[in-house]
Amino acid sequence: NIGELLGPALEVRVGGVLEEIDETSLSTPKRFRANINSGKICLGQAPEAGCIPLPISGEGLFDGVYLGQRLRIGQNLNGGGARVVQVKIA
C-alpha cells in the first residue's frame, strides 16, 4: 500500500500480506489480517525515488466496511479504530 503525505511529493510505502479471516463470508464488515514486513518513506512517486527504510512490522486487524472494485473503506481494530479510505488508481 502507498499513502501520500504532502500530496505526491512524499509517500509512505508498506509491504506485506493481506488475508481474509473467513473466506466463506460474503457480507460486510469483512475481517482481514495484515502482516506487515517492510516499510519506507519516499520522496516522490517514481520507482527510483529516494527512499528511507522504516522500522515497521507486525500484524494488524481491520474490518472491510465497504469493498468495491475501486474503493475500499476499512476500520482498524487493534490500532485505535481509525477509518481508512483506499482508492485504486490504476
N, C-alpha and C. Protein backbone atom coordinates (compact mmCIF):
# COMPACT_ATOMS: atom_id res chain seq x y z
N ASN A 1 0.84 -1.18 0.00
CA ASN A 1 0.00 0.00 0.00
C ASN A 1 0.88 1.24 0.00
N ILE A 2 0.35 2.29 -0.57
CA ILE A 2 1.06 3.57 -0.63
C ILE A 2 0.15 4.65 -0.08
N GLY A 3 0.68 5.43 0.82
CA GLY A 3 -0.06 6.57 1.36
C GLY A 3 0.71 7.85 1.06
N GLU A 4 -0.02 8.89 0.66
CA GLU A 4 0.62 10.16 0.35
C GLU A 4 0.61 11.08 1.56
N LEU A 5 1.74 11.72 1.78
CA LEU A 5 1.88 12.79 2.76
C LEU A 5 2.34 14.00 1.96
N LEU A 6 1.73 15.12 2.13
CA LEU A 6 2.07 16.30 1.34
C LEU A 6 1.81 16.05 -0.14
N GLY A 7 0.72 15.38 -0.45
CA GLY A 7 0.41 15.05 -1.84
C GLY A 7 1.40 14.03 -2.36
N PRO A 8 1.66 14.03 -3.67
CA PRO A 8 2.57 13.03 -4.24
C PRO A 8 4.05 13.30 -3.97
N ALA A 9 4.37 14.40 -3.30
CA ALA A 9 5.78 14.73 -3.04
C ALA A 9 6.42 13.81 -2.01
N LEU A 10 5.62 13.22 -1.13
CA LEU A 10 6.16 12.37 -0.06
C LEU A 10 5.21 11.19 0.14
N GLU A 11 5.74 9.98 0.00
CA GLU A 11 4.93 8.77 0.11
C GLU A 11 5.44 7.87 1.22
N VAL A 12 4.51 7.14 1.84
CA VAL A 12 4.84 6.04 2.74
C VAL A 12 4.42 4.77 2.02
N ARG A 13 5.36 3.86 1.82
CA ARG A 13 5.11 2.59 1.14
C ARG A 13 5.28 1.45 2.13
N VAL A 14 4.27 0.59 2.21
CA VAL A 14 4.28 -0.53 3.16
C VAL A 14 4.02 -1.81 2.39
N GLY A 15 4.79 -2.85 2.71
CA GLY A 15 4.63 -4.14 2.05
C GLY A 15 4.29 -5.23 3.05
N GLY A 16 3.58 -6.22 2.58
CA GLY A 16 3.21 -7.34 3.43
C GLY A 16 2.20 -8.22 2.76
N VAL A 17 1.47 -8.97 3.57
CA VAL A 17 0.47 -9.92 3.08
C VAL A 17 -0.86 -9.60 3.73
N LEU A 18 -1.92 -9.61 2.92
CA LEU A 18 -3.27 -9.38 3.40
C LEU A 18 -4.06 -10.66 3.23
N GLU A 19 -4.74 -11.09 4.30
CA GLU A 19 -5.52 -12.32 4.20
C GLU A 19 -6.89 -12.14 4.85
N GLU A 20 -7.88 -12.80 4.27
CA GLU A 20 -9.23 -12.80 4.84
C GLU A 20 -9.26 -13.74 6.04
N ILE A 21 -9.94 -13.33 7.10
CA ILE A 21 -10.08 -14.20 8.26
C ILE A 21 -11.05 -15.34 7.95
N ASP A 22 -12.17 -15.03 7.30
CA ASP A 22 -13.17 -16.04 6.94
C ASP A 22 -13.48 -15.90 5.45
N GLU A 23 -12.88 -16.74 4.63
CA GLU A 23 -13.04 -16.66 3.17
C GLU A 23 -14.45 -17.02 2.71
N THR A 24 -15.24 -17.69 3.56
CA THR A 24 -16.59 -18.09 3.16
C THR A 24 -17.60 -16.95 3.33
N SER A 25 -17.29 -15.96 4.14
CA SER A 25 -18.21 -14.85 4.39
C SER A 25 -18.22 -13.90 3.20
N LEU A 26 -19.42 -13.56 2.73
CA LEU A 26 -19.58 -12.64 1.61
C LEU A 26 -20.23 -11.33 2.04
N SER A 27 -20.46 -11.16 3.33
CA SER A 27 -21.11 -9.94 3.83
C SER A 27 -20.09 -9.01 4.47
N THR A 28 -20.49 -7.76 4.64
CA THR A 28 -19.64 -6.79 5.33
C THR A 28 -20.24 -6.50 6.70
N PRO A 29 -19.44 -6.16 7.68
CA PRO A 29 -17.99 -5.99 7.57
C PRO A 29 -17.28 -7.33 7.42
N LYS A 30 -16.20 -7.31 6.67
CA LYS A 30 -15.38 -8.49 6.42
C LYS A 30 -14.04 -8.29 7.09
N ARG A 31 -13.64 -9.23 7.91
CA ARG A 31 -12.42 -9.09 8.70
C ARG A 31 -11.19 -9.58 7.93
N PHE A 32 -10.11 -8.78 8.04
CA PHE A 32 -8.84 -9.08 7.38
C PHE A 32 -7.69 -8.99 8.38
N ARG A 33 -6.63 -9.72 8.08
CA ARG A 33 -5.39 -9.65 8.85
C ARG A 33 -4.30 -9.16 7.90
N ALA A 34 -3.59 -8.13 8.31
CA ALA A 34 -2.47 -7.61 7.52
C ALA A 34 -1.18 -7.94 8.26
N ASN A 35 -0.28 -8.65 7.60
CA ASN A 35 1.03 -8.95 8.15
C ASN A 35 2.05 -8.07 7.43
N ILE A 36 2.48 -7.02 8.11
CA ILE A 36 3.39 -6.03 7.54
C ILE A 36 4.82 -6.49 7.76
N ASN A 37 5.63 -6.48 6.66
CA ASN A 37 7.02 -6.91 6.81
C ASN A 37 8.04 -5.88 6.33
N SER A 38 7.57 -4.75 5.77
CA SER A 38 8.52 -3.72 5.35
C SER A 38 7.81 -2.38 5.19
N GLY A 39 8.59 -1.34 5.24
CA GLY A 39 8.06 0.00 5.04
C GLY A 39 9.17 0.96 4.69
N LYS A 40 8.81 2.04 3.99
CA LYS A 40 9.79 3.07 3.66
C LYS A 40 9.05 4.37 3.37
N ILE A 41 9.76 5.47 3.52
CA ILE A 41 9.24 6.78 3.18
C ILE A 41 10.04 7.28 1.98
N CYS A 42 9.33 7.78 0.96
CA CYS A 42 9.97 8.09 -0.32
C CYS A 42 9.66 9.52 -0.76
N LEU A 43 10.65 10.14 -1.37
CA LEU A 43 10.48 11.46 -1.97
C LEU A 43 9.99 11.28 -3.40
N GLY A 44 8.72 11.49 -3.63
CA GLY A 44 8.16 11.35 -4.97
C GLY A 44 7.59 9.98 -5.24
N GLN A 45 6.99 9.85 -6.43
CA GLN A 45 6.29 8.63 -6.80
C GLN A 45 7.08 7.68 -7.70
N ALA A 46 8.14 8.15 -8.28
CA ALA A 46 8.90 7.33 -9.23
C ALA A 46 9.50 6.12 -8.52
N PRO A 47 9.58 4.97 -9.22
CA PRO A 47 10.18 3.79 -8.60
C PRO A 47 11.61 4.02 -8.12
N GLU A 48 12.35 4.90 -8.80
CA GLU A 48 13.73 5.18 -8.40
C GLU A 48 13.83 6.33 -7.40
N ALA A 49 12.70 6.78 -6.85
CA ALA A 49 12.70 7.87 -5.87
C ALA A 49 13.55 7.49 -4.66
N GLY A 50 14.18 8.48 -4.07
CA GLY A 50 14.98 8.24 -2.88
C GLY A 50 14.10 7.82 -1.71
N CYS A 51 14.42 6.70 -1.09
CA CYS A 51 13.60 6.16 0.00
C CYS A 51 14.46 5.87 1.22
N ILE A 52 13.84 6.02 2.38
CA ILE A 52 14.47 5.71 3.66
C ILE A 52 13.66 4.59 4.30
N PRO A 53 14.30 3.49 4.71
CA PRO A 53 13.56 2.39 5.34
C PRO A 53 12.92 2.83 6.65
N LEU A 54 11.74 2.27 6.93
CA LEU A 54 11.05 2.50 8.20
C LEU A 54 11.07 1.21 9.02
N PRO A 55 11.28 1.31 10.32
CA PRO A 55 11.29 0.11 11.17
C PRO A 55 9.86 -0.31 11.51
N ILE A 56 9.15 -0.86 10.52
CA ILE A 56 7.76 -1.23 10.72
C ILE A 56 7.57 -2.70 10.39
N SER A 57 6.86 -3.39 11.26
CA SER A 57 6.49 -4.79 11.02
C SER A 57 5.44 -5.16 12.05
N GLY A 58 4.72 -6.21 11.77
CA GLY A 58 3.73 -6.69 12.72
C GLY A 58 2.42 -7.04 12.07
N GLU A 59 1.46 -7.36 12.92
CA GLU A 59 0.15 -7.80 12.47
C GLU A 59 -0.91 -6.78 12.84
N GLY A 60 -1.83 -6.55 11.92
CA GLY A 60 -2.95 -5.66 12.18
C GLY A 60 -4.24 -6.31 11.74
N LEU A 61 -5.32 -5.98 12.43
CA LEU A 61 -6.64 -6.48 12.07
C LEU A 61 -7.51 -5.31 11.68
N PHE A 62 -8.32 -5.49 10.64
CA PHE A 62 -9.28 -4.45 10.28
C PHE A 62 -10.50 -5.07 9.64
N ASP A 63 -11.59 -4.34 9.75
CA ASP A 63 -12.84 -4.73 9.10
C ASP A 63 -12.99 -3.97 7.81
N GLY A 64 -13.29 -4.68 6.74
CA GLY A 64 -13.65 -4.04 5.48
C GLY A 64 -15.11 -3.64 5.57
N VAL A 65 -15.38 -2.35 5.74
CA VAL A 65 -16.74 -1.86 5.90
C VAL A 65 -17.44 -1.79 4.55
N TYR A 66 -16.69 -1.35 3.52
CA TYR A 66 -17.19 -1.34 2.14
C TYR A 66 -16.07 -1.80 1.24
N LEU A 67 -16.37 -2.75 0.36
CA LEU A 67 -15.36 -3.30 -0.54
C LEU A 67 -15.92 -3.27 -1.96
N GLY A 68 -15.42 -2.35 -2.79
CA GLY A 68 -15.86 -2.24 -4.17
C GLY A 68 -14.70 -2.50 -5.11
N GLN A 69 -14.95 -2.35 -6.41
CA GLN A 69 -13.91 -2.58 -7.41
C GLN A 69 -12.75 -1.59 -7.26
N ARG A 70 -13.05 -0.32 -6.98
CA ARG A 70 -12.01 0.71 -6.89
C ARG A 70 -11.90 1.35 -5.51
N LEU A 71 -12.87 1.12 -4.64
CA LEU A 71 -12.91 1.79 -3.35
C LEU A 71 -13.00 0.76 -2.23
N ARG A 72 -12.18 0.99 -1.19
CA ARG A 72 -12.19 0.13 -0.01
C ARG A 72 -12.21 1.02 1.22
N ILE A 73 -13.18 0.81 2.09
CA ILE A 73 -13.28 1.56 3.34
C ILE A 73 -13.15 0.55 4.47
N GLY A 74 -12.22 0.80 5.37
CA GLY A 74 -11.98 -0.13 6.46
C GLY A 74 -11.88 0.58 7.79
N GLN A 75 -11.93 -0.21 8.85
CA GLN A 75 -11.74 0.31 10.19
C GLN A 75 -10.72 -0.55 10.92
N ASN A 76 -9.68 0.11 11.40
CA ASN A 76 -8.61 -0.56 12.14
C ASN A 76 -9.18 -1.05 13.46
N LEU A 77 -8.86 -2.30 13.84
CA LEU A 77 -9.39 -2.87 15.08
C LEU A 77 -8.40 -2.89 16.22
N ASN A 78 -7.11 -2.92 15.94
CA ASN A 78 -6.14 -3.00 17.03
C ASN A 78 -5.15 -1.84 17.02
N GLY A 79 -5.55 -0.72 16.44
CA GLY A 79 -4.67 0.43 16.40
C GLY A 79 -5.40 1.73 16.67
N GLY A 80 -6.48 1.67 17.43
CA GLY A 80 -7.18 2.89 17.79
C GLY A 80 -8.49 3.12 17.05
N GLY A 81 -8.85 2.25 16.11
CA GLY A 81 -10.14 2.37 15.44
C GLY A 81 -10.19 3.34 14.28
N ALA A 82 -9.04 3.74 13.76
CA ALA A 82 -9.00 4.69 12.65
C ALA A 82 -9.73 4.13 11.43
N ARG A 83 -10.41 5.00 10.70
CA ARG A 83 -11.05 4.64 9.44
C ARG A 83 -10.06 4.88 8.30
N VAL A 84 -10.07 3.98 7.33
CA VAL A 84 -9.16 4.06 6.20
C VAL A 84 -9.97 4.06 4.91
N VAL A 85 -9.65 4.97 4.01
CA VAL A 85 -10.28 5.00 2.70
C VAL A 85 -9.18 4.81 1.66
N GLN A 86 -9.33 3.79 0.82
CA GLN A 86 -8.34 3.50 -0.21
C GLN A 86 -9.03 3.50 -1.57
N VAL A 87 -8.40 4.17 -2.55
CA VAL A 87 -8.90 4.23 -3.91
C VAL A 87 -7.86 3.64 -4.84
N LYS A 88 -8.25 2.69 -5.66
CA LYS A 88 -7.34 2.09 -6.63
C LYS A 88 -7.18 3.04 -7.79
N ILE A 89 -5.94 3.44 -8.06
CA ILE A 89 -5.65 4.42 -9.11
C ILE A 89 -5.59 3.77 -10.48
N ALA A 90 -4.87 2.67 -10.60
CA ALA A 90 -4.70 2.03 -11.91
C ALA A 90 -5.31 0.65 -11.92
